[in-house]
């Protein structure tokens, strides 16, 4: 029994200390951005600045709000309807605002993914379809 507990603890500490853990991904991305800022890399300095705490901070356009990135590492830009988006799981990448989702164009798969409103069935008039709206209520 004791050997099983030790094995479980060893495995879990290995997973926690994995180079792919959230903390390491975050630290690695922060270091990459700070290096880019110090080297005056054009793309980096156009997208990030160093805040009062010495941490990298995303620069968003006027009228954009901030939200946490996918791994809760950075404050990133909350993208608006029609903004181009990515479905990557990466620290420091902008995300669609909370009421939007990153979707592809159903008619042209060559177009980039964009942030679009979530489909809402509430308020839709199903009577024209001859279907009761009670069927679609949550």
Protein backbone atom coordinates (compact mmCIF):
# COMPACT_ATOMS: atom_id res chain seq x y z
CA UNK A 1 0.00 0.00 0.00
CA UNK A 2 2.78 2.42 0.92
CA UNK A 3 4.57 1.71 -2.36
CA UNK A 4 1.40 2.54 -4.31
CA UNK A 5 1.08 5.87 -2.49
CA UNK A 6 4.72 6.71 -3.19
CA UNK A 7 4.27 5.79 -6.87
CA UNK A 8 1.18 7.98 -7.13
CA UNK A 9 2.96 10.91 -5.46
CA UNK A 10 5.97 10.49 -7.75
CA UNK A 11 3.78 10.43 -10.85
CA UNK A 12 1.69 13.41 -9.78
CA UNK A 13 4.78 15.48 -8.92
CA UNK A 14 6.21 14.56 -12.31
CA UNK A 15 3.05 15.76 -14.01
CA UNK A 16 2.98 18.96 -11.97
CA UNK A 17 6.64 19.61 -12.77
CA UNK A 18 6.17 18.70 -16.43
CA UNK A 19 7.63 21.15 -18.94
CA UNK A 20 4.13 21.32 -20.44
CA UNK A 21 2.39 22.41 -17.24
CA UNK A 22 0.48 25.69 -17.18
CA UNK A 23 3.07 27.42 -15.00
CA UNK A 24 5.97 26.50 -17.25
CA UNK A 25 4.08 27.47 -20.41
CA UNK A 26 3.28 30.81 -18.83
CA UNK A 27 6.84 31.46 -17.62
CA UNK A 28 8.27 30.45 -20.98
CA UNK A 29 5.92 32.80 -22.88
CA UNK A 30 6.63 35.70 -20.49
CA UNK A 31 10.38 35.19 -20.94
CA UNK A 32 9.97 35.08 -24.72
CA UNK A 33 8.00 38.34 -24.71
CA UNK A 34 10.42 40.10 -22.34
CA UNK A 35 13.33 39.03 -24.57
CA UNK A 36 11.48 40.38 -27.61
CA UNK A 37 10.85 43.70 -25.88
CA UNK A 38 14.52 44.02 -24.81
CA UNK A 39 15.66 43.20 -28.37
CA UNK A 40 13.11 45.69 -29.73
CA UNK A 41 11.53 43.00 -31.90
CA UNK A 42 8.98 44.88 -34.02
CA UNK A 43 6.10 42.39 -33.66
CA UNK A 44 6.62 42.04 -29.91
CA UNK A 45 6.79 45.77 -29.12
CA UNK A 46 3.71 46.40 -31.28
CA UNK A 47 1.72 43.89 -29.23
CA UNK A 48 3.16 44.00 -25.69
CA UNK A 49 4.52 46.45 -23.14
CA UNK A 50 5.93 46.04 -19.64
CA UNK A 51 3.55 47.05 -16.86
CA UNK A 52 4.35 48.62 -13.48
CA UNK A 53 5.14 45.19 -11.97
CA UNK A 54 7.65 44.41 -14.71
CA UNK A 55 5.34 41.85 -16.33
CA UNK A 56 4.48 41.77 -20.04
CA UNK A 57 1.07 43.24 -20.82
CA UNK A 58 -0.88 42.97 -24.07
CA UNK A 59 -1.55 46.23 -25.90
CA UNK A 60 -5.15 46.32 -27.08
CA UNK A 61 -6.76 48.80 -29.43
CA UNK A 62 -9.05 51.53 -28.24
CA UNK A 63 -12.42 50.21 -27.09
CA UNK A 64 -11.17 46.68 -26.37
CA UNK A 65 -11.49 45.13 -22.95
CA UNK A 66 -9.11 42.68 -21.30
CA UNK A 67 -9.71 39.07 -20.31
CA UNK A 68 -7.46 36.26 -19.12
CA UNK A 69 -5.87 34.10 -21.80
CA UNK A 70 -6.65 30.41 -22.16
CA UNK A 71 -4.21 29.35 -19.41
CA UNK A 72 -4.83 32.37 -17.12
CA UNK A 73 -1.33 33.71 -17.67
CA UNK A 74 -1.89 37.12 -19.29
CA UNK A 75 -4.57 39.69 -19.71
CA UNK A 76 -5.26 39.63 -23.44
CA UNK A 77 -7.64 41.50 -25.72
CA UNK A 78 -11.28 40.42 -25.67
CA UNK A 79 -11.99 40.31 -29.40
CA UNK A 80 -15.20 41.74 -30.88
CA UNK A 81 -17.64 40.39 -33.47
CA UNK A 82 -15.89 39.93 -36.80
CA UNK A 83 -12.35 40.04 -35.39
CA UNK A 84 -10.03 37.30 -36.63
CA UNK A 85 -9.34 34.68 -33.96
CA UNK A 86 -7.35 31.50 -33.39
CA UNK A 87 -8.34 28.29 -31.63
CA UNK A 88 -4.84 27.66 -30.31
CA UNK A 89 -4.14 26.91 -26.68
CA UNK A 90 -1.31 29.33 -26.12
CA UNK A 91 -0.42 31.87 -23.47
CA UNK A 92 -0.75 35.50 -24.53
CA UNK A 93 -3.15 34.92 -27.44
CA UNK A 94 -6.24 37.12 -27.75
CA UNK A 95 -9.61 35.43 -27.26
CA UNK A 96 -13.17 36.20 -28.29
CA UNK A 97 -15.20 38.12 -25.69
CA UNK A 98 -17.19 35.92 -23.29
CA UNK A 99 -20.43 36.19 -25.29
CA UNK A 100 -18.72 35.24 -28.59
CA UNK A 101 -17.15 32.13 -30.07
CA UNK A 102 -14.37 31.60 -32.61
CA UNK A 103 -15.98 30.02 -35.69
CA UNK A 104 -15.25 29.31 -39.32
CA UNK A 105 -17.34 30.49 -42.24
CA UNK A 106 -19.76 27.70 -43.21
CA UNK A 107 -19.71 28.76 -46.85
CA UNK A 108 -16.00 29.43 -47.41
CA UNK A 109 -13.52 27.39 -45.39
CA UNK A 110 -10.64 29.46 -46.81
CA UNK A 111 -11.70 32.50 -44.79
CA UNK A 112 -10.06 32.97 -41.38
CA UNK A 113 -11.89 32.13 -38.18
CA UNK A 114 -13.77 35.09 -36.69
CA UNK A 115 -15.52 35.89 -33.42
CA UNK A 116 -19.30 35.55 -33.78
CA UNK A 117 -22.29 35.72 -31.44
CA UNK A 118 -23.38 32.50 -29.82
CA UNK A 119 -26.51 31.10 -31.43
CA UNK A 120 -29.49 31.98 -29.29
CA UNK A 121 -32.73 30.08 -29.70
CA UNK A 122 -34.62 32.22 -27.21
CA UNK A 123 -36.91 34.71 -28.86
CA UNK A 124 -36.92 32.91 -32.23
CA UNK A 125 -40.40 32.59 -33.69
CA UNK A 126 -40.79 28.86 -34.36
CA UNK A 127 -44.46 29.25 -35.37
CA UNK A 128 -43.46 29.84 -38.99
CA UNK A 129 -41.92 26.36 -38.94
CA UNK A 130 -45.02 24.78 -37.44
CA UNK A 131 -43.03 23.78 -34.35
CA UNK A 132 -43.76 24.70 -30.75
CA UNK A 133 -41.01 26.82 -29.18
CA UNK A 134 -41.48 24.82 -25.98
CA UNK A 135 -39.64 21.97 -27.70
CA UNK A 136 -36.47 24.11 -27.89
CA UNK A 137 -36.62 25.63 -24.39
CA UNK A 138 -33.84 24.71 -22.03
